[in-house]
Amino acid sequence: MGKIEVKICMGTMCYVMGGAELKAVVDTLPPEIRDRVEISYSPCLGTCNNGGEPPYVKINDRLVARVSKTSLLQIIKEELYNAV
């Protein structure tokens, strides 16, 4: 059972649009989830200039826009369920 990769954008736009709150979610993940997730942070995922809607998170190879605290946890749970 491999880990899923979660990369949270911490670029200026993403950070002020909620990326800072996403880090707080990661810090409070339950151990059974945290052990199966590889978390990293990016200074920029390079998508805001294309008219997108920050904050962005890259889950494995999938880029997700407008991620909230609630949706991040849900996305991680769905990815873990699909990885089984």
Protein backbone atom coordinates (compact mmCIF):
# COMPACT_ATOMS: atom_id res chain seq x y z
CA MET A 1 0.00 0.00 0.00
CA GLY A 2 1.83 3.10 -1.27
CA LYS A 3 1.62 6.62 -0.05
CA ILE A 4 -0.20 9.35 -1.89
CA GLU A 5 1.69 12.54 -2.63
CA VAL A 6 0.16 15.85 -1.60
CA LYS A 7 1.89 19.07 -2.61
CA ILE A 8 0.39 22.29 -1.26
CA CYS A 9 1.14 25.54 -3.04
CA MET A 10 2.52 28.21 -0.73
CA GLY A 11 2.95 30.88 -3.40
CA THR A 12 1.79 34.35 -2.40
CA MET A 13 -1.63 34.16 -4.05
CA CYS A 14 -2.36 30.63 -2.84
CA TYR A 15 -1.09 31.44 0.65
CA VAL A 16 -3.36 34.45 1.13
CA MET A 17 -6.32 32.68 -0.50
CA GLY A 18 -6.25 29.83 2.02
CA GLY A 19 -3.03 27.87 1.55
CA ALA A 20 -1.89 28.83 5.03
CA GLU A 21 -5.01 27.19 6.47
CA LEU A 22 -4.32 24.01 4.51
CA LYS A 23 -1.04 23.55 6.37
CA ALA A 24 -3.01 23.56 9.62
CA VAL A 25 -5.18 20.72 8.28
CA VAL A 26 -2.11 18.65 7.46
CA ASP A 27 -0.70 19.23 10.94
CA THR A 28 -3.85 17.74 12.49
CA LEU A 29 -4.34 14.67 10.27
CA PRO A 30 -5.10 11.51 12.25
CA PRO A 31 -2.08 9.15 12.44
CA GLU A 32 -3.77 6.45 10.32
CA ILE A 33 -4.11 8.96 7.49
CA ARG A 34 -0.85 10.87 8.06
CA ASP A 35 1.19 7.67 7.81
CA ARG A 36 -0.11 7.10 4.27
CA VAL A 37 0.39 10.64 2.94
CA GLU A 38 3.62 12.24 1.75
CA ILE A 39 3.19 15.99 2.31
CA SER A 40 5.31 18.65 0.67
CA TYR A 41 5.01 22.36 0.02
CA SER A 42 5.79 24.25 -3.15
CA PRO A 43 6.80 27.91 -3.41
CA CYS A 44 4.55 28.00 -6.50
CA LEU A 45 2.77 25.47 -8.70
CA GLY A 46 2.67 28.04 -11.52
CA THR A 47 -1.04 28.04 -12.25
CA CYS A 48 -2.41 31.31 -10.82
CA ASN A 49 -1.23 33.33 -13.83
CA ASN A 50 -3.40 31.18 -16.10
CA GLY A 51 -6.61 32.58 -14.63
CA GLY A 52 -7.11 29.79 -12.14
CA GLU A 53 -8.58 29.92 -8.67
CA PRO A 54 -6.17 29.44 -5.76
CA PRO A 55 -5.30 27.80 -3.47
CA TYR A 56 -3.95 24.83 -5.41
CA VAL A 57 -2.99 21.39 -4.25
CA LYS A 58 -1.41 18.68 -6.35
CA ILE A 59 -2.56 15.20 -5.34
CA ASN A 60 -0.27 12.67 -7.02
CA ASP A 61 -0.40 14.06 -10.57
CA ARG A 62 -3.80 15.75 -10.33
CA LEU A 63 -4.01 19.51 -9.79
CA VAL A 64 -6.98 20.68 -7.73
CA ALA A 65 -8.09 24.33 -7.51
CA ARG A 66 -10.02 26.21 -4.81
CA VAL A 67 -9.09 23.75 -2.09
CA SER A 68 -10.55 24.48 1.34
CA LYS A 69 -9.77 22.98 4.73
CA THR A 70 -12.80 20.70 4.43
CA SER A 71 -12.23 19.70 0.83
CA LEU A 72 -8.54 18.89 1.41
CA LEU A 73 -9.38 16.29 4.02
CA GLN A 74 -12.11 14.86 1.80
CA ILE A 75 -9.79 14.70 -1.23
CA ILE A 76 -7.10 12.93 0.79
CA LYS A 77 -9.60 10.38 2.11
CA GLU A 78 -10.93 9.72 -1.41
CA GLU A 79 -7.41 9.23 -2.80
CA LEU A 80 -6.55 6.82 0.00
CA TYR A 81 -9.74 4.86 -0.60
CA ASN A 82 -9.02 4.67 -4.36
CA ALA A 83 -5.42 3.61 -3.71
CA VAL A 84 -6.46 0.42 -1.95
